[in-house]
Amino acid sequence: MLGSLLQGILLGLGAAVPLGPINVLIMNTALSSARSAFGVGFGAMLADLTYLGVTLLGFHLFLESLLIQEILSLLGGAFLLYLSLLLYKGRNQSIQERSQKHHPFFKSLAKGYLLTLSNPYTIAFWLSVASLTASPKYQGQWLIVGLVIAILCWITFLPFLIYKTKHLISPRISAFFSLFSAGVMAWFGLTLWVGVLSRWL
């Protein structure tokens, strides 16, 4: 049990910690509201669990369909480019101005959910996790518990850390971070589109 739990925690951290669109969005949102940033992460985790549930219920062939993955890539790419545009437009807003804006929790949750759900790389990750949970080498339920614990810890710790240290961030650094975030989102979005178009052309 303990071994599977630790394996799940390590796997969850491996999925949650690397810099990607979700972590960039969490960090950017945390400059305004730790609660909304947690909402983004929680939405992403719900999307992860959605895919895990689908694979465990035996619908993995649906997820492995190239057409489904291409549709998700196009939708995900469009959503990432939209978020990139929003981040670019708000690059000159001070942290104080951002904090005064209302950030509905469920709107943030929906962003995280849709962004993760429309990412075909998420499918590949959870298909591999589903195969691990089915392996007799692991106790699948404890592997999943470990994954959820690791992801929950990360999406709680990261927004809290950014929010509590935001007073150390100057307006210039804040603007640079917004531009960097916009660039990361645009890069991931274009990567998804190029991947689909390269197969079509």
N, C-alpha and C. Protein backbone atom coordinates (compact mmCIF):
# COMPACT_ATOMS: atom_id res chain seq x y z
N MET A 1 0.82 -1.21 0.00
CA MET A 1 0.00 0.00 0.00
C MET A 1 0.86 1.26 0.00
N LEU A 2 1.81 1.34 0.97
CA LEU A 2 2.65 2.52 1.10
C LEU A 2 3.48 2.77 -0.16
N GLY A 3 4.00 1.68 -0.74
CA GLY A 3 4.79 1.82 -1.96
C GLY A 3 3.98 2.41 -3.10
N SER A 4 2.75 1.92 -3.28
CA SER A 4 1.88 2.43 -4.35
C SER A 4 1.50 3.88 -4.10
N LEU A 5 1.26 4.22 -2.80
CA LEU A 5 0.91 5.60 -2.44
C LEU A 5 2.06 6.54 -2.78
N LEU A 6 3.28 6.16 -2.42
CA LEU A 6 4.45 7.00 -2.72
C LEU A 6 4.69 7.11 -4.22
N GLN A 7 4.49 6.00 -4.94
CA GLN A 7 4.62 6.04 -6.40
C GLN A 7 3.61 7.03 -6.99
N GLY A 8 2.39 7.01 -6.45
CA GLY A 8 1.36 7.93 -6.92
C GLY A 8 1.71 9.37 -6.64
N ILE A 9 2.27 9.63 -5.44
CA ILE A 9 2.68 11.00 -5.09
C ILE A 9 3.78 11.50 -6.03
N LEU A 10 4.77 10.65 -6.28
CA LEU A 10 5.85 11.04 -7.20
C LEU A 10 5.34 11.27 -8.61
N LEU A 11 4.43 10.42 -9.04
CA LEU A 11 3.85 10.56 -10.38
C LEU A 11 3.03 11.85 -10.47
N GLY A 12 2.26 12.14 -9.40
CA GLY A 12 1.46 13.36 -9.36
C GLY A 12 2.31 14.61 -9.40
N LEU A 13 3.42 14.61 -8.66
CA LEU A 13 4.34 15.75 -8.68
C LEU A 13 4.99 15.89 -10.05
N GLY A 14 5.32 14.75 -10.65
CA GLY A 14 5.90 14.77 -12.00
C GLY A 14 4.96 15.38 -13.02
N ALA A 15 3.66 15.19 -12.81
CA ALA A 15 2.67 15.75 -13.73
C ALA A 15 2.37 17.21 -13.41
N ALA A 16 2.37 17.56 -12.11
CA ALA A 16 1.90 18.89 -11.70
C ALA A 16 2.97 19.97 -11.70
N VAL A 17 4.22 19.62 -11.39
CA VAL A 17 5.25 20.63 -11.15
C VAL A 17 5.85 21.26 -12.42
N PRO A 18 6.12 20.53 -13.50
CA PRO A 18 6.78 21.16 -14.66
C PRO A 18 6.02 22.39 -15.19
N LEU A 19 6.81 23.34 -15.71
CA LEU A 19 6.23 24.57 -16.25
C LEU A 19 5.44 24.26 -17.52
N GLY A 20 4.19 24.61 -17.51
CA GLY A 20 3.31 24.41 -18.66
C GLY A 20 2.19 25.43 -18.59
N PRO A 21 1.23 25.37 -19.50
CA PRO A 21 0.15 26.37 -19.53
C PRO A 21 -0.61 26.50 -18.21
N ILE A 22 -0.90 25.37 -17.56
CA ILE A 22 -1.68 25.44 -16.32
C ILE A 22 -0.91 26.13 -15.21
N ASN A 23 0.35 25.75 -15.01
CA ASN A 23 1.14 26.40 -13.95
C ASN A 23 1.37 27.87 -14.23
N VAL A 24 1.55 28.22 -15.50
CA VAL A 24 1.71 29.63 -15.87
C VAL A 24 0.43 30.40 -15.55
N LEU A 25 -0.72 29.81 -15.88
CA LEU A 25 -2.00 30.46 -15.61
C LEU A 25 -2.25 30.56 -14.10
N ILE A 26 -1.90 29.52 -13.35
CA ILE A 26 -2.04 29.56 -11.89
C ILE A 26 -1.20 30.70 -11.31
N MET A 27 0.06 30.79 -11.73
CA MET A 27 0.96 31.81 -11.19
C MET A 27 0.47 33.22 -11.54
N ASN A 28 0.01 33.39 -12.78
CA ASN A 28 -0.47 34.71 -13.19
C ASN A 28 -1.73 35.10 -12.43
N THR A 29 -2.63 34.13 -12.24
CA THR A 29 -3.87 34.40 -11.53
C THR A 29 -3.60 34.66 -10.05
N ALA A 30 -2.59 34.00 -9.48
CA ALA A 30 -2.25 34.15 -8.06
C ALA A 30 -1.78 35.56 -7.73
N LEU A 31 -1.31 36.31 -8.72
CA LEU A 31 -0.93 37.70 -8.47
C LEU A 31 -2.15 38.54 -8.11
N SER A 32 -3.33 38.05 -8.50
CA SER A 32 -4.57 38.77 -8.19
C SER A 32 -5.32 38.12 -7.04
N SER A 33 -5.42 36.78 -7.06
CA SER A 33 -6.24 36.08 -6.08
C SER A 33 -5.75 34.64 -5.91
N ALA A 34 -5.38 34.29 -4.68
CA ALA A 34 -4.93 32.92 -4.41
C ALA A 34 -6.10 31.95 -4.58
N ARG A 35 -7.31 32.39 -4.21
CA ARG A 35 -8.49 31.52 -4.31
C ARG A 35 -8.79 31.19 -5.77
N SER A 36 -8.73 32.19 -6.64
CA SER A 36 -8.99 31.96 -8.06
C SER A 36 -7.90 31.10 -8.69
N ALA A 37 -6.66 31.31 -8.25
CA ALA A 37 -5.55 30.50 -8.77
C ALA A 37 -5.73 29.04 -8.36
N PHE A 38 -6.19 28.83 -7.11
CA PHE A 38 -6.50 27.46 -6.68
C PHE A 38 -7.62 26.89 -7.54
N GLY A 39 -8.59 27.74 -7.91
CA GLY A 39 -9.69 27.31 -8.78
C GLY A 39 -9.19 26.81 -10.12
N VAL A 40 -8.21 27.51 -10.69
CA VAL A 40 -7.62 27.07 -11.97
C VAL A 40 -7.02 25.68 -11.81
N GLY A 41 -6.23 25.51 -10.75
CA GLY A 41 -5.59 24.21 -10.50
C GLY A 41 -6.59 23.11 -10.20
N PHE A 42 -7.63 23.45 -9.45
CA PHE A 42 -8.64 22.45 -9.10
C PHE A 42 -9.42 22.02 -10.35
N GLY A 43 -9.69 22.99 -11.22
CA GLY A 43 -10.35 22.67 -12.49
C GLY A 43 -9.50 21.73 -13.33
N ALA A 44 -8.20 21.99 -13.35
CA ALA A 44 -7.27 21.12 -14.09
C ALA A 44 -7.28 19.71 -13.51
N MET A 45 -7.31 19.62 -12.17
CA MET A 45 -7.33 18.32 -11.53
C MET A 45 -8.63 17.57 -11.85
N LEU A 46 -9.76 18.29 -11.90
CA LEU A 46 -11.03 17.65 -12.25
C LEU A 46 -11.00 17.11 -13.68
N ALA A 47 -10.34 17.86 -14.59
CA ALA A 47 -10.20 17.38 -15.97
C ALA A 47 -9.34 16.13 -16.01
N ASP A 48 -8.27 16.14 -15.20
CA ASP A 48 -7.41 14.94 -15.11
C ASP A 48 -8.22 13.74 -14.65
N LEU A 49 -9.03 13.94 -13.61
CA LEU A 49 -9.84 12.84 -13.07
C LEU A 49 -10.93 12.40 -14.06
N THR A 50 -11.40 13.34 -14.87
CA THR A 50 -12.37 13.00 -15.92
C THR A 50 -11.76 12.00 -16.90
N TYR A 51 -10.54 12.32 -17.35
CA TYR A 51 -9.86 11.41 -18.29
C TYR A 51 -9.50 10.09 -17.64
N LEU A 52 -9.11 10.14 -16.38
CA LEU A 52 -8.80 8.90 -15.67
C LEU A 52 -10.04 8.02 -15.58
N GLY A 53 -11.18 8.65 -15.25
CA GLY A 53 -12.43 7.91 -15.16
C GLY A 53 -12.82 7.29 -16.49
N VAL A 54 -12.65 8.06 -17.56
CA VAL A 54 -13.00 7.56 -18.90
C VAL A 54 -12.15 6.34 -19.26
N THR A 55 -10.84 6.43 -18.95
CA THR A 55 -9.96 5.29 -19.28
C THR A 55 -10.28 4.07 -18.42
N LEU A 56 -10.54 4.29 -17.14
CA LEU A 56 -10.84 3.17 -16.25
C LEU A 56 -12.17 2.50 -16.60
N LEU A 57 -13.09 3.28 -17.19
CA LEU A 57 -14.38 2.71 -17.60
C LEU A 57 -14.28 1.97 -18.93
N GLY A 58 -13.09 2.00 -19.53
CA GLY A 58 -12.87 1.22 -20.75
C GLY A 58 -13.08 1.96 -22.05
N PHE A 59 -13.14 3.31 -21.96
CA PHE A 59 -13.34 4.08 -23.19
C PHE A 59 -12.02 4.59 -23.75
N HIS A 60 -10.93 3.83 -23.49
CA HIS A 60 -9.61 4.28 -23.94
C HIS A 60 -9.50 4.34 -25.46
N LEU A 61 -10.26 3.49 -26.18
CA LEU A 61 -10.20 3.52 -27.65
C LEU A 61 -10.72 4.85 -28.18
N PHE A 62 -11.72 5.40 -27.48
CA PHE A 62 -12.25 6.72 -27.85
C PHE A 62 -11.16 7.78 -27.72
N LEU A 63 -10.40 7.71 -26.62
CA LEU A 63 -9.35 8.70 -26.37
C LEU A 63 -8.17 8.51 -27.31
N GLU A 64 -7.96 7.27 -27.77
CA GLU A 64 -6.82 6.99 -28.66
C GLU A 64 -7.12 7.35 -30.10
N SER A 65 -8.36 7.72 -30.39
CA SER A 65 -8.74 8.09 -31.76
C SER A 65 -7.97 9.33 -32.21
N LEU A 66 -7.33 9.23 -33.37
CA LEU A 66 -6.55 10.35 -33.90
C LEU A 66 -7.45 11.55 -34.18
N LEU A 67 -8.66 11.30 -34.68
CA LEU A 67 -9.58 12.40 -34.98
C LEU A 67 -9.94 13.17 -33.71
N ILE A 68 -10.23 12.46 -32.61
CA ILE A 68 -10.57 13.11 -31.34
C ILE A 68 -9.39 13.95 -30.86
N GLN A 69 -8.19 13.40 -30.97
CA GLN A 69 -7.01 14.13 -30.50
C GLN A 69 -6.74 15.36 -31.37
N GLU A 70 -7.02 15.26 -32.67
CA GLU A 70 -6.83 16.42 -33.54
C GLU A 70 -7.85 17.52 -33.23
N ILE A 71 -9.08 17.12 -32.97
CA ILE A 71 -10.11 18.10 -32.60
C ILE A 71 -9.73 18.80 -31.30
N LEU A 72 -9.28 18.02 -30.33
CA LEU A 72 -8.85 18.60 -29.05
C LEU A 72 -7.65 19.53 -29.24
N SER A 73 -6.74 19.15 -30.12
CA SER A 73 -5.56 19.99 -30.38
C SER A 73 -5.97 21.34 -30.97
N LEU A 74 -6.91 21.32 -31.90
CA LEU A 74 -7.37 22.58 -32.52
C LEU A 74 -8.10 23.45 -31.50
N LEU A 75 -8.97 22.84 -30.70
CA LEU A 75 -9.72 23.59 -29.69
C LEU A 75 -8.78 24.10 -28.60
N GLY A 76 -7.89 23.21 -28.15
CA GLY A 76 -6.93 23.59 -27.12
C GLY A 76 -5.99 24.70 -27.60
N GLY A 77 -5.54 24.60 -28.84
CA GLY A 77 -4.67 25.63 -29.40
C GLY A 77 -5.37 26.98 -29.46
N ALA A 78 -6.63 26.98 -29.87
CA ALA A 78 -7.41 28.22 -29.94
C ALA A 78 -7.59 28.83 -28.56
N PHE A 79 -7.88 27.99 -27.57
CA PHE A 79 -8.09 28.48 -26.20
C PHE A 79 -6.80 29.05 -25.63
N LEU A 80 -5.67 28.39 -25.90
CA LEU A 80 -4.38 28.89 -25.43
C LEU A 80 -4.03 30.23 -26.07
N LEU A 81 -4.32 30.38 -27.35
CA LEU A 81 -4.04 31.65 -28.03
C LEU A 81 -4.94 32.76 -27.49
N TYR A 82 -6.18 32.40 -27.16
CA TYR A 82 -7.11 33.38 -26.55
C TYR A 82 -6.57 33.85 -25.19
N LEU A 83 -6.13 32.90 -24.36
CA LEU A 83 -5.57 33.26 -23.06
C LEU A 83 -4.29 34.08 -23.22
N SER A 84 -3.50 33.73 -24.24
CA SER A 84 -2.28 34.49 -24.52
C SER A 84 -2.61 35.95 -24.83
N LEU A 85 -3.65 36.16 -25.61
CA LEU A 85 -4.07 37.51 -25.97
C LEU A 85 -4.53 38.28 -24.73
N LEU A 86 -5.28 37.63 -23.85
CA LEU A 86 -5.75 38.28 -22.62
C LEU A 86 -4.57 38.68 -21.73
N LEU A 87 -3.58 37.79 -21.62
CA LEU A 87 -2.40 38.08 -20.79
C LEU A 87 -1.59 39.23 -21.39
N TYR A 88 -1.50 39.25 -22.71
CA TYR A 88 -0.76 40.32 -23.38
C TYR A 88 -1.45 41.67 -23.18
N LYS A 89 -2.77 41.67 -23.28
CA LYS A 89 -3.53 42.92 -23.12
C LYS A 89 -3.40 43.47 -21.70
N GLY A 90 -3.30 42.56 -20.71
CA GLY A 90 -3.23 43.00 -19.32
C GLY A 90 -1.82 43.16 -18.79
N ARG A 91 -0.83 43.21 -19.70
CA ARG A 91 0.58 43.20 -19.27
C ARG A 91 0.96 44.43 -18.46
N ASN A 92 0.31 45.58 -18.70
CA ASN A 92 0.70 46.81 -18.01
C ASN A 92 -0.12 47.11 -16.76
N GLN A 93 -1.02 46.19 -16.41
CA GLN A 93 -1.79 46.37 -15.19
C GLN A 93 -0.91 46.11 -13.98
N SER A 94 -1.00 46.98 -13.00
CA SER A 94 -0.24 46.76 -11.77
C SER A 94 -0.89 45.63 -10.96
N ILE A 95 -0.13 45.08 -10.03
CA ILE A 95 -0.66 44.01 -9.18
C ILE A 95 -1.82 44.54 -8.35
N GLN A 96 -1.74 45.82 -7.94
CA GLN A 96 -2.84 46.42 -7.16
C GLN A 96 -4.12 46.47 -8.00
N GLU A 97 -3.98 46.87 -9.28
CA GLU A 97 -5.15 46.92 -10.18
C GLU A 97 -5.73 45.53 -10.39
N ARG A 98 -4.86 44.54 -10.54
CA ARG A 98 -5.33 43.17 -10.73
C ARG A 98 -6.09 42.68 -9.50
N SER A 99 -5.58 43.03 -8.32
CA SER A 99 -6.19 42.55 -7.07
C SER A 99 -7.58 43.13 -6.86
N GLN A 100 -7.82 44.34 -7.41
CA GLN A 100 -9.12 44.99 -7.22
C GLN A 100 -10.20 44.40 -8.13
N LYS A 101 -9.78 43.67 -9.14
CA LYS A 101 -10.75 43.05 -10.05
C LYS A 101 -11.40 41.84 -9.39
N HIS A 102 -12.67 41.60 -9.79
CA HIS A 102 -13.38 40.44 -9.26
C HIS A 102 -13.02 39.21 -10.09
N HIS A 103 -12.62 38.15 -9.42
CA HIS A 103 -12.23 36.92 -10.12
C HIS A 103 -13.11 35.77 -9.61
N PRO A 104 -14.23 35.52 -10.27
CA PRO A 104 -15.13 34.44 -9.80
C PRO A 104 -14.42 33.09 -9.78
N PHE A 105 -14.60 32.37 -8.66
CA PHE A 105 -13.93 31.09 -8.47
C PHE A 105 -14.30 30.10 -9.57
N PHE A 106 -15.59 30.01 -9.88
CA PHE A 106 -16.03 28.99 -10.84
C PHE A 106 -15.61 29.33 -12.27
N LYS A 107 -15.41 30.60 -12.55
CA LYS A 107 -14.89 30.98 -13.87
C LYS A 107 -13.44 30.52 -14.00
N SER A 108 -12.68 30.68 -12.92
CA SER A 108 -11.29 30.21 -12.91
C SER A 108 -11.24 28.69 -13.01
N LEU A 109 -12.15 28.03 -12.28
CA LEU A 109 -12.22 26.57 -12.32
C LEU A 109 -12.51 26.09 -13.74
N ALA A 110 -13.45 26.77 -14.41
CA ALA A 110 -13.81 26.40 -15.79
C ALA A 110 -12.62 26.57 -16.73
N LYS A 111 -11.84 27.64 -16.53
CA LYS A 111 -10.64 27.86 -17.35
C LYS A 111 -9.67 26.69 -17.22
N GLY A 112 -9.39 26.33 -15.98
CA GLY A 112 -8.46 25.23 -15.73
C GLY A 112 -8.97 23.91 -16.29
N TYR A 113 -10.28 23.70 -16.14
CA TYR A 113 -10.89 22.45 -16.62
C TYR A 113 -10.81 22.37 -18.14
N LEU A 114 -11.24 23.42 -18.81
CA LEU A 114 -11.27 23.41 -20.28
C LEU A 114 -9.87 23.35 -20.88
N LEU A 115 -8.94 24.08 -20.24
CA LEU A 115 -7.57 24.10 -20.75
C LEU A 115 -6.94 22.71 -20.67
N THR A 116 -7.18 22.02 -19.57
CA THR A 116 -6.61 20.68 -19.40
C THR A 116 -7.36 19.65 -20.23
N LEU A 117 -8.67 19.78 -20.30
CA LEU A 117 -9.49 18.83 -21.05
C LEU A 117 -9.18 18.88 -22.55
N SER A 118 -8.81 20.05 -23.04
CA SER A 118 -8.55 20.20 -24.48
C SER A 118 -7.09 19.99 -24.84
N ASN A 119 -6.31 19.47 -23.89
CA ASN A 119 -4.89 19.21 -24.14
C ASN A 119 -4.68 17.72 -24.41
N PRO A 120 -4.33 17.34 -25.65
CA PRO A 120 -4.16 15.92 -25.98
C PRO A 120 -3.02 15.25 -25.20
N TYR A 121 -2.06 16.05 -24.71
CA TYR A 121 -0.98 15.47 -23.92
C TYR A 121 -1.51 14.92 -22.59
N THR A 122 -2.59 15.52 -22.10
CA THR A 122 -3.22 15.03 -20.88
C THR A 122 -3.74 13.61 -21.09
N ILE A 123 -4.29 13.37 -22.29
CA ILE A 123 -4.82 12.03 -22.61
C ILE A 123 -3.70 11.01 -22.54
N ALA A 124 -2.56 11.33 -23.15
CA ALA A 124 -1.42 10.39 -23.17
C ALA A 124 -0.97 10.06 -21.75
N PHE A 125 -0.92 11.08 -20.90
CA PHE A 125 -0.49 10.87 -19.52
C PHE A 125 -1.45 9.93 -18.78
N TRP A 126 -2.75 10.18 -18.90
CA TRP A 126 -3.71 9.40 -18.13
C TRP A 126 -3.93 8.01 -18.71
N LEU A 127 -3.68 7.84 -19.99
CA LEU A 127 -3.70 6.49 -20.54
C LEU A 127 -2.58 5.65 -19.93
N SER A 128 -1.42 6.28 -19.74
CA SER A 128 -0.30 5.55 -19.13
C SER A 128 -0.58 5.27 -17.66
N VAL A 129 -1.21 6.22 -16.97
CA VAL A 129 -1.56 6.00 -15.56
C VAL A 129 -2.58 4.88 -15.43
N ALA A 130 -3.56 4.84 -16.35
CA ALA A 130 -4.57 3.79 -16.31
C ALA A 130 -3.93 2.42 -16.48
N SER A 131 -2.90 2.35 -17.33
CA SER A 131 -2.23 1.06 -17.51
C SER A 131 -1.46 0.66 -16.25
N LEU A 132 -0.95 1.66 -15.51
CA LEU A 132 -0.26 1.37 -14.25
C LEU A 132 -1.24 0.86 -13.19
N THR A 133 -2.42 1.50 -13.14
CA THR A 133 -3.40 1.10 -12.12
C THR A 133 -3.91 -0.32 -12.38
N ALA A 134 -3.87 -0.73 -13.66
CA ALA A 134 -4.33 -2.09 -14.00
C ALA A 134 -3.24 -3.14 -13.77
N SER A 135 -2.00 -2.67 -13.58
CA SER A 135 -0.89 -3.61 -13.40
C SER A 135 -0.96 -4.26 -12.03
N PRO A 136 -0.74 -5.57 -11.95
CA PRO A 136 -0.74 -6.26 -10.65
C PRO A 136 0.40 -5.82 -9.73
N LYS A 137 1.38 -5.15 -10.31
CA LYS A 137 2.53 -4.68 -9.53
C LYS A 137 2.12 -3.57 -8.56
N TYR A 138 1.06 -2.82 -8.93
CA TYR A 138 0.64 -1.69 -8.11
C TYR A 138 -0.76 -1.93 -7.55
N GLN A 139 -1.03 -1.28 -6.41
CA GLN A 139 -2.40 -1.23 -5.90
C GLN A 139 -3.01 0.04 -6.47
N GLY A 140 -3.81 -0.15 -7.52
CA GLY A 140 -4.29 0.99 -8.31
C GLY A 140 -4.96 2.08 -7.51
N GLN A 141 -5.79 1.70 -6.53
CA GLN A 141 -6.52 2.71 -5.78
C GLN A 141 -5.59 3.61 -4.97
N TRP A 142 -4.49 3.03 -4.42
CA TRP A 142 -3.55 3.84 -3.65
C TRP A 142 -2.66 4.69 -4.56
N LEU A 143 -2.40 4.21 -5.77
CA LEU A 143 -1.67 5.00 -6.76
C LEU A 143 -2.46 6.27 -7.08
N ILE A 144 -3.77 6.11 -7.28
CA ILE A 144 -4.63 7.25 -7.61
C ILE A 144 -4.73 8.21 -6.42
N VAL A 145 -4.85 7.65 -5.20
CA VAL A 145 -4.90 8.50 -4.00
C VAL A 145 -3.62 9.33 -3.89
N GLY A 146 -2.47 8.72 -4.14
CA GLY A 146 -1.20 9.44 -4.11
C GLY A 146 -1.14 10.55 -5.14
N LEU A 147 -1.63 10.25 -6.35
CA LEU A 147 -1.69 11.26 -7.41
C LEU A 147 -2.51 12.47 -6.98
N VAL A 148 -3.70 12.21 -6.45
CA VAL A 148 -4.61 13.29 -6.05
C VAL A 148 -4.00 14.11 -4.91
N ILE A 149 -3.37 13.43 -3.94
CA ILE A 149 -2.73 14.15 -2.82
C ILE A 149 -1.65 15.09 -3.34
N ALA A 150 -0.79 14.58 -4.24
CA ALA A 150 0.31 15.39 -4.77
C ALA A 150 -0.21 16.60 -5.54
N ILE A 151 -1.20 16.39 -6.39
CA ILE A 151 -1.74 17.49 -7.21
C ILE A 151 -2.43 18.52 -6.32
N LEU A 152 -3.21 18.05 -5.33
CA LEU A 152 -3.89 18.97 -4.41
C LEU A 152 -2.89 19.81 -3.62
N CYS A 153 -1.83 19.19 -3.16
CA CYS A 153 -0.79 19.93 -2.42
C CYS A 153 -0.15 21.00 -3.30
N TRP A 154 0.15 20.63 -4.54
CA TRP A 154 0.81 21.58 -5.45
C TRP A 154 -0.10 22.75 -5.79
N ILE A 155 -1.37 22.49 -6.11
CA ILE A 155 -2.27 23.59 -6.52
C ILE A 155 -2.70 24.44 -5.33
N THR A 156 -2.41 23.98 -4.11
CA THR A 156 -2.64 24.81 -2.91
C THR A 156 -1.39 25.61 -2.58
N PHE A 157 -0.22 24.95 -2.64
CA PHE A 157 1.05 25.59 -2.28
C PHE A 157 1.45 26.68 -3.26
N LEU A 158 1.36 26.42 -4.55
CA LEU A 158 1.84 27.37 -5.56
C LEU A 158 1.09 28.70 -5.51
N PRO A 159 -0.27 28.71 -5.54
CA PRO A 159 -0.98 30.00 -5.45
C PRO A 159 -0.67 30.74 -4.15
N PHE A 160 -0.61 30.00 -3.02
CA PHE A 160 -0.34 30.63 -1.73
C PHE A 160 1.03 31.31 -1.73
N LEU A 161 2.04 30.61 -2.27
CA LEU A 161 3.39 31.16 -2.31
C LEU A 161 3.45 32.43 -3.16
N ILE A 162 2.87 32.38 -4.35
CA ILE A 162 2.90 33.55 -5.24
C ILE A 162 2.14 34.71 -4.63
N TYR A 163 0.96 34.43 -4.08
CA TYR A 163 0.11 35.49 -3.52
C TYR A 163 0.80 36.17 -2.33
N LYS A 164 1.44 35.38 -1.47
CA LYS A 164 2.07 35.94 -0.27
C LYS A 164 3.36 36.70 -0.58
N THR A 165 3.95 36.46 -1.73
CA THR A 165 5.21 37.15 -2.07
C THR A 165 5.01 38.19 -3.17
N LYS A 166 3.76 38.46 -3.54
CA LYS A 166 3.52 39.36 -4.67
C LYS A 166 3.98 40.79 -4.38
N HIS A 167 4.06 41.17 -3.09
CA HIS A 167 4.52 42.52 -2.75
C HIS A 167 6.00 42.73 -3.09
N LEU A 168 6.70 41.63 -3.32
CA LEU A 168 8.12 41.72 -3.69
C LEU A 168 8.31 41.92 -5.20
N ILE A 169 7.20 41.83 -5.95
CA ILE A 169 7.29 41.89 -7.41
C ILE A 169 7.04 43.32 -7.88
N SER A 170 8.00 43.87 -8.57
CA SER A 170 7.88 45.25 -9.07
C SER A 170 6.97 45.29 -10.29
N PRO A 171 6.44 46.48 -10.64
CA PRO A 171 5.61 46.59 -11.84
C PRO A 171 6.32 46.12 -13.12
N ARG A 172 7.62 46.36 -13.18
CA ARG A 172 8.38 45.95 -14.37
C ARG A 172 8.44 44.42 -14.47
N ILE A 173 8.71 43.78 -13.33
CA ILE A 173 8.77 42.31 -13.32
C ILE A 173 7.39 41.73 -13.61
N SER A 174 6.36 42.37 -13.06
CA SER A 174 4.98 41.91 -13.30
C SER A 174 4.64 41.97 -14.79
N ALA A 175 5.03 43.07 -15.44
CA ALA A 175 4.77 43.22 -16.88
C ALA A 175 5.56 42.17 -17.68
N PHE A 176 6.81 41.95 -17.27
CA PHE A 176 7.63 40.95 -17.95
C PHE A 176 7.02 39.55 -17.80
N PHE A 177 6.53 39.26 -16.58
CA PHE A 177 5.94 37.95 -16.33
C PHE A 177 4.68 37.74 -17.18
N SER A 178 3.90 38.82 -17.34
CA SER A 178 2.70 38.72 -18.19
C SER A 178 3.08 38.44 -19.63
N LEU A 179 4.12 39.11 -20.11
CA LEU A 179 4.60 38.88 -21.48
C LEU A 179 5.14 37.46 -21.63
N PHE A 180 5.89 37.02 -20.63
CA PHE A 180 6.43 35.65 -20.64
C PHE A 180 5.28 34.63 -20.66
N SER A 181 4.28 34.86 -19.82
CA SER A 181 3.12 33.96 -19.75
C SER A 181 2.39 33.92 -21.07
N ALA A 182 2.20 35.10 -21.67
CA ALA A 182 1.53 35.17 -22.97
C ALA A 182 2.32 34.39 -24.02
N GLY A 183 3.66 34.51 -23.97
CA GLY A 183 4.51 33.79 -24.91
C GLY A 183 4.43 32.28 -24.73
N VAL A 184 4.41 31.82 -23.47
CA VAL A 184 4.29 30.39 -23.19
C VAL A 184 2.97 29.85 -23.72
N MET A 185 1.89 30.58 -23.45
CA MET A 185 0.57 30.15 -23.92
C MET A 185 0.53 30.08 -25.45
N ALA A 186 1.06 31.13 -26.09
CA ALA A 186 1.05 31.18 -27.55
C ALA A 186 1.89 30.04 -28.14
N TRP A 187 3.03 29.77 -27.52
CA TRP A 187 3.91 28.71 -28.02
C TRP A 187 3.22 27.36 -27.95
N PHE A 188 2.61 27.06 -26.80
CA PHE A 188 1.90 25.78 -26.66
C PHE A 188 0.72 25.69 -27.62
N GLY A 189 0.00 26.81 -27.78
CA GLY A 189 -1.15 26.81 -28.69
C GLY A 189 -0.73 26.57 -30.13
N LEU A 190 0.31 27.27 -30.56
CA LEU A 190 0.79 27.09 -31.94
C LEU A 190 1.38 25.70 -32.16
N THR A 191 2.02 25.15 -31.12
CA THR A 191 2.57 23.79 -31.21
C THR A 191 1.46 22.78 -31.49
N LEU A 192 0.34 22.94 -30.80
CA LEU A 192 -0.80 22.03 -31.01
C LEU A 192 -1.33 22.16 -32.44
N TRP A 193 -1.46 23.39 -32.92
CA TRP A 193 -1.97 23.61 -34.28
C TRP A 193 -1.01 23.06 -35.33
N VAL A 194 0.28 23.34 -35.15
CA VAL A 194 1.28 22.88 -36.12
C VAL A 194 1.28 21.36 -36.19
N GLY A 195 1.12 20.70 -35.04
CA GLY A 195 1.08 19.25 -35.02
C GLY A 195 -0.05 18.69 -35.87
N VAL A 196 -1.21 19.33 -35.81
CA VAL A 196 -2.36 18.88 -36.61
C VAL A 196 -2.15 19.21 -38.08
N LEU A 197 -1.74 20.43 -38.37
CA LEU A 197 -1.58 20.87 -39.77
C LEU A 197 -0.48 20.08 -40.48
N SER A 198 0.55 19.68 -39.75
CA SER A 198 1.63 18.89 -40.38
C SER A 198 1.13 17.52 -40.83
N ARG A 199 0.11 17.00 -40.14
CA ARG A 199 -0.45 15.71 -40.53
C ARG A 199 -1.42 15.87 -41.71
N TRP A 200 -2.02 17.05 -41.81
CA TRP A 200 -3.01 17.29 -42.87
C TRP A 200 -2.35 17.64 -44.20
N LEU A 201 -1.20 18.32 -44.12
CA LEU A 201 -0.56 18.83 -45.35
C LEU A 201 0.44 17.84 -45.92
